[in-house]
Amino acid sequence: MNDLIEEYKKALEELKQAENNFNNADSDFVPAAALQLKAKTEKVNAIYKKLKGVAV
């Protein structure tokens, strides 16, 4: 479970970076930044669901 918690923390950091990239993207790169943000959000959600299942 500790590995999963560490993976979740890393995913949250990656999500923060993706959000920062999106917020500061040049207009030409907004679509790519939006896709990256969505992917990182999905990753965080998937790991959260795993954690929730382990914790129950």
PDB file of N, CA and C in Angstrom:
ATOM      1  N   MET A   1       0.820  -1.199   0.000  1.00  0.00           N
ATOM      2  CA  MET A   1       0.000   0.000   0.000  1.00  0.00           C
ATOM      3  C   MET A   1       0.861   1.260   0.000  1.00  0.00           C
ATOM      4  N   ASN A   2       2.028   1.198   0.666  1.00  0.00           N
ATOM      5  CA  ASN A   2       2.909   2.369   0.673  1.00  0.00           C
ATOM      6  C   ASN A   2       3.366   2.739  -0.727  1.00  0.00           C
ATOM      7  N   ASP A   3       3.608   1.725  -1.568  1.00  0.00           N
ATOM      8  CA  ASP A   3       3.994   2.002  -2.953  1.00  0.00           C
ATOM      9  C   ASP A   3       2.876   2.738  -3.685  1.00  0.00           C
ATOM     10  N   LEU A   4       1.655   2.336  -3.428  1.00  0.00           N
ATOM     11  CA  LEU A   4       0.508   2.970  -4.068  1.00  0.00           C
ATOM     12  C   LEU A   4       0.350   4.416  -3.594  1.00  0.00           C
ATOM     13  N   ILE A   5       0.606   4.649  -2.324  1.00  0.00           N
ATOM     14  CA  ILE A   5       0.542   6.021  -1.795  1.00  0.00           C
ATOM     15  C   ILE A   5       1.622   6.883  -2.434  1.00  0.00           C
ATOM     16  N   GLU A   6       2.818   6.341  -2.571  1.00  0.00           N
ATOM     17  CA  GLU A   6       3.899   7.088  -3.222  1.00  0.00           C
ATOM     18  C   GLU A   6       3.559   7.358  -4.689  1.00  0.00           C
ATOM     19  N   GLU A   7       2.963   6.381  -5.349  1.00  0.00           N
ATOM     20  CA  GLU A   7       2.553   6.558  -6.748  1.00  0.00           C
ATOM     21  C   GLU A   7       1.498   7.656  -6.845  1.00  0.00           C
ATOM     22  N   TYR A   8       0.584   7.691  -5.884  1.00  0.00           N
ATOM     23  CA  TYR A   8      -0.460   8.719  -5.856  1.00  0.00           C
ATOM     24  C   TYR A   8       0.142  10.104  -5.645  1.00  0.00           C
ATOM     25  N   LYS A   9       1.075  10.215  -4.715  1.00  0.00           N
ATOM     26  CA  LYS A   9       1.742  11.500  -4.473  1.00  0.00           C
ATOM     27  C   LYS A   9       2.469  11.981  -5.722  1.00  0.00           C
ATOM     28  N   LYS A  10       3.156  11.064  -6.399  1.00  0.00           N
ATOM     29  CA  LYS A  10       3.864  11.418  -7.637  1.00  0.00           C
ATOM     30  C   LYS A  10       2.871  11.869  -8.711  1.00  0.00           C
ATOM     31  N   ALA A  11       1.768  11.156  -8.818  1.00  0.00           N
ATOM     32  CA  ALA A  11       0.747  11.507  -9.806  1.00  0.00           C
ATOM     33  C   ALA A  11       0.157  12.880  -9.515  1.00  0.00           C
ATOM     34  N   LEU A  12      -0.018  13.208  -8.243  1.00  0.00           N
ATOM     35  CA  LEU A  12      -0.527  14.542  -7.885  1.00  0.00           C
ATOM     36  C   LEU A  12       0.462  15.636  -8.288  1.00  0.00           C
ATOM     37  N   GLU A  13       1.748  15.372  -8.081  1.00  0.00           N
ATOM     38  CA  GLU A  13       2.772  16.344  -8.499  1.00  0.00           C
ATOM     39  C   GLU A  13       2.755  16.519 -10.021  1.00  0.00           C
ATOM     40  N   GLU A  14       2.621  15.400 -10.739  1.00  0.00           N
ATOM     41  CA  GLU A  14       2.555  15.471 -12.202  1.00  0.00           C
ATOM     42  C   GLU A  14       1.316  16.236 -12.644  1.00  0.00           C
ATOM     43  N   LEU A  15       0.216  16.059 -11.923  1.00  0.00           N
ATOM     44  CA  LEU A  15      -1.014  16.789 -12.236  1.00  0.00           C
ATOM     45  C   LEU A  15      -0.818  18.287 -12.011  1.00  0.00           C
ATOM     46  N   LYS A  16      -0.166  18.651 -10.922  1.00  0.00           N
ATOM     47  CA  LYS A  16       0.114  20.069 -10.664  1.00  0.00           C
ATOM     48  C   LYS A  16       0.951  20.662 -11.787  1.00  0.00           C
ATOM     49  N   GLN A  17       1.947  19.917 -12.251  1.00  0.00           N
ATOM     50  CA  GLN A  17       2.801  20.400 -13.334  1.00  0.00           C
ATOM     51  C   GLN A  17       2.005  20.542 -14.628  1.00  0.00           C
ATOM     52  N   ALA A  18       1.150  19.571 -14.902  1.00  0.00           N
ATOM     53  CA  ALA A  18       0.321  19.635 -16.112  1.00  0.00           C
ATOM     54  C   ALA A  18      -0.624  20.831 -16.059  1.00  0.00           C
ATOM     55  N   GLU A  19      -1.174  21.101 -14.870  1.00  0.00           N
ATOM     56  CA  GLU A  19      -2.052  22.260 -14.719  1.00  0.00           C
ATOM     57  C   GLU A  19      -1.274  23.554 -14.942  1.00  0.00           C
ATOM     58  N   ASN A  20      -0.068  23.614 -14.412  1.00  0.00           N
ATOM     59  CA  ASN A  20       0.781  24.781 -14.615  1.00  0.00           C
ATOM     60  C   ASN A  20       1.121  24.949 -16.097  1.00  0.00           C
ATOM     61  N   ASN A  21       1.454  23.841 -16.757  1.00  0.00           N
ATOM     62  CA  ASN A  21       1.753  23.888 -18.190  1.00  0.00           C
ATOM     63  C   ASN A  21       0.553  24.412 -18.972  1.00  0.00           C
ATOM     64  N   PHE A  22      -0.636  23.936 -18.610  1.00  0.00           N
ATOM     65  CA  PHE A  22      -1.853  24.379 -19.293  1.00  0.00           C
ATOM     66  C   PHE A  22      -2.089  25.871 -19.072  1.00  0.00           C
ATOM     67  N   ASN A  23      -1.959  26.300 -17.828  1.00  0.00           N
ATOM     68  CA  ASN A  23      -2.219  27.705 -17.496  1.00  0.00           C
ATOM     69  C   ASN A  23      -1.228  28.661 -18.162  1.00  0.00           C
ATOM     70  N   ASN A  24      -0.040  28.173 -18.465  1.00  0.00           N
ATOM     71  CA  ASN A  24       0.994  29.038 -19.043  1.00  0.00           C
ATOM     72  C   ASN A  24       1.315  28.721 -20.501  1.00  0.00           C
ATOM     73  N   ALA A  25       0.497  27.886 -21.122  1.00  0.00           N
ATOM     74  CA  ALA A  25       0.776  27.480 -22.497  1.00  0.00           C
ATOM     75  C   ALA A  25       0.523  28.614 -23.485  1.00  0.00           C
ATOM     76  N   ASP A  26       1.394  28.699 -24.476  1.00  0.00           N
ATOM     77  CA  ASP A  26       1.130  29.593 -25.603  1.00  0.00           C
ATOM     78  C   ASP A  26      -0.094  29.073 -26.328  1.00  0.00           C
ATOM     79  N   SER A  27      -0.790  29.938 -27.007  1.00  0.00           N
ATOM     80  CA  SER A  27      -2.047  29.544 -27.657  1.00  0.00           C
ATOM     81  C   SER A  27      -1.868  28.371 -28.626  1.00  0.00           C
ATOM     82  N   ASP A  28      -0.694  28.260 -29.243  1.00  0.00           N
ATOM     83  CA  ASP A  28      -0.443  27.149 -30.164  1.00  0.00           C
ATOM     84  C   ASP A  28      -0.368  25.808 -29.448  1.00  0.00           C
ATOM     85  N   PHE A  29      -0.066  25.828 -28.164  1.00  0.00           N
ATOM     86  CA  PHE A  29       0.148  24.592 -27.411  1.00  0.00           C
ATOM     87  C   PHE A  29      -0.982  24.258 -26.436  1.00  0.00           C
ATOM     88  N   VAL A  30      -2.023  25.063 -26.408  1.00  0.00           N
ATOM     89  CA  VAL A  30      -3.135  24.811 -25.490  1.00  0.00           C
ATOM     90  C   VAL A  30      -3.774  23.439 -25.728  1.00  0.00           C
ATOM     91  N   PRO A  31      -4.026  23.033 -26.973  1.00  0.00           N
ATOM     92  CA  PRO A  31      -4.633  21.706 -27.156  1.00  0.00           C
ATOM     93  C   PRO A  31      -3.767  20.571 -26.594  1.00  0.00           C
ATOM     94  N   ALA A  32      -2.476  20.629 -26.813  1.00  0.00           N
ATOM     95  CA  ALA A  32      -1.582  19.601 -26.289  1.00  0.00           C
ATOM     96  C   ALA A  32      -1.544  19.639 -24.771  1.00  0.00           C
ATOM     97  N   ALA A  33      -1.519  20.833 -24.209  1.00  0.00           N
ATOM     98  CA  ALA A  33      -1.500  20.971 -22.752  1.00  0.00           C
ATOM     99  C   ALA A  33      -2.805  20.466 -22.140  1.00  0.00           C
ATOM    100  N   ALA A  34      -3.907  20.687 -22.833  1.00  0.00           N
ATOM    101  CA  ALA A  34      -5.203  20.201 -22.351  1.00  0.00           C
ATOM    102  C   ALA A  34      -5.241  18.671 -22.344  1.00  0.00           C
ATOM    103  N   LEU A  35      -4.688  18.063 -23.368  1.00  0.00           N
ATOM    104  CA  LEU A  35      -4.631  16.593 -23.413  1.00  0.00           C
ATOM    105  C   LEU A  35      -3.754  16.047 -22.296  1.00  0.00           C
ATOM    106  N   GLN A  36      -2.637  16.697 -22.057  1.00  0.00           N
ATOM    107  CA  GLN A  36      -1.745  16.273 -20.974  1.00  0.00           C
ATOM    108  C   GLN A  36      -2.458  16.406 -19.627  1.00  0.00           C
ATOM    109  N   LEU A  37      -3.165  17.498 -19.436  1.00  0.00           N
ATOM    110  CA  LEU A  37      -3.895  17.723 -18.190  1.00  0.00           C
ATOM    111  C   LEU A  37      -4.965  16.657 -17.990  1.00  0.00           C
ATOM    112  N   LYS A  38      -5.681  16.328 -19.046  1.00  0.00           N
ATOM    113  CA  LYS A  38      -6.714  15.289 -18.947  1.00  0.00           C
ATOM    114  C   LYS A  38      -6.092  13.943 -18.602  1.00  0.00           C
ATOM    115  N   ALA A  39      -4.988  13.608 -19.243  1.00  0.00           N
ATOM    116  CA  ALA A  39      -4.332  12.327 -18.984  1.00  0.00           C
ATOM    117  C   ALA A  39      -3.845  12.236 -17.542  1.00  0.00           C
ATOM    118  N   LYS A  40      -3.258  13.299 -17.036  1.00  0.00           N
ATOM    119  CA  LYS A  40      -2.760  13.292 -15.654  1.00  0.00           C
ATOM    120  C   LYS A  40      -3.923  13.234 -14.664  1.00  0.00           C
ATOM    121  N   THR A  41      -5.033  13.891 -14.992  1.00  0.00           N
ATOM    122  CA  THR A  41      -6.216  13.826 -14.142  1.00  0.00           C
ATOM    123  C   THR A  41      -6.759  12.405 -14.085  1.00  0.00           C
ATOM    124  N   GLU A  42      -6.822  11.755 -15.235  1.00  0.00           N
ATOM    125  CA  GLU A  42      -7.300  10.366 -15.291  1.00  0.00           C
ATOM    126  C   GLU A  42      -6.386   9.441 -14.496  1.00  0.00           C
ATOM    127  N   LYS A  43      -5.094   9.682 -14.557  1.00  0.00           N
ATOM    128  CA  LYS A  43      -4.137   8.862 -13.806  1.00  0.00           C
ATOM    129  C   LYS A  43      -4.370   9.015 -12.305  1.00  0.00           C
ATOM    130  N   VAL A  44      -4.523  10.254 -11.845  1.00  0.00           N
ATOM    131  CA  VAL A  44      -4.785  10.498 -10.428  1.00  0.00           C
ATOM    132  C   VAL A  44      -6.086   9.805 -10.013  1.00  0.00           C
ATOM    133  N   ASN A  45      -7.117   9.924 -10.815  1.00  0.00           N
ATOM    134  CA  ASN A  45      -8.399   9.302 -10.491  1.00  0.00           C
ATOM    135  C   ASN A  45      -8.288   7.780 -10.420  1.00  0.00           C
ATOM    136  N   ALA A  46      -7.550   7.186 -11.339  1.00  0.00           N
ATOM    137  CA  ALA A  46      -7.384   5.733 -11.349  1.00  0.00           C
ATOM    138  C   ALA A  46      -6.640   5.252 -10.107  1.00  0.00           C
ATOM    139  N   ILE A  47      -5.587   5.950  -9.739  1.00  0.00           N
ATOM    140  CA  ILE A  47      -4.824   5.561  -8.546  1.00  0.00           C
ATOM    141  C   ILE A  47      -5.679   5.768  -7.293  1.00  0.00           C
ATOM    142  N   TYR A  48      -6.448   6.838  -7.261  1.00  0.00           N
ATOM    143  CA  TYR A  48      -7.336   7.090  -6.126  1.00  0.00           C
ATOM    144  C   TYR A  48      -8.329   5.936  -5.963  1.00  0.00           C
ATOM    145  N   LYS A  49      -8.886   5.484  -7.075  1.00  0.00           N
ATOM    146  CA  LYS A  49      -9.835   4.365  -7.017  1.00  0.00           C
ATOM    147  C   LYS A  49      -9.154   3.111  -6.483  1.00  0.00           C
ATOM    148  N   LYS A  50      -7.915   2.880  -6.886  1.00  0.00           N
ATOM    149  CA  LYS A  50      -7.157   1.744  -6.356  1.00  0.00           C
ATOM    150  C   LYS A  50      -6.974   1.889  -4.855  1.00  0.00           C
ATOM    151  N   LEU A  51      -6.588   3.090  -4.417  1.00  0.00           N
ATOM    152  CA  LEU A  51      -6.390   3.339  -2.992  1.00  0.00           C
ATOM    153  C   LEU A  51      -7.685   3.140  -2.222  1.00  0.00           C
ATOM    154  N   LYS A  52      -8.752   3.621  -2.768  1.00  0.00           N
ATOM    155  CA  LYS A  52     -10.052   3.497  -2.112  1.00  0.00           C
ATOM    156  C   LYS A  52     -10.426   2.022  -1.968  1.00  0.00           C
ATOM    157  N   GLY A  53     -10.120   1.240  -2.980  1.00  0.00           N
ATOM    158  CA  GLY A  53     -10.418  -0.192  -2.929  1.00  0.00           C
ATOM    159  C   GLY A  53      -9.542  -0.914  -1.919  1.00  0.00           C
ATOM    160  N   VAL A  54      -8.294  -0.488  -1.782  1.00  0.00           N
ATOM    161  CA  VAL A  54      -7.364  -1.110  -0.840  1.00  0.00           C
ATOM    162  C   VAL A  54      -7.740  -0.747   0.587  1.00  0.00           C
ATOM    163  N   ALA A  55      -8.189   0.486   0.782  1.00  0.00           N
ATOM    164  CA  ALA A  55      -8.471   0.983   2.125  1.00  0.00           C
ATOM    165  C   ALA A  55      -9.741   0.379   2.719  1.00  0.00           C
ATOM    166  N   VAL A  56     -10.626  -0.095   1.877  1.00  0.00           N
ATOM    167  CA  VAL A  56     -11.919  -0.617   2.365  1.00  0.00           C
ATOM    168  C   VAL A  56     -11.750  -1.934   3.057  1.00  0.00           C
TER     169      VAL A  56
END
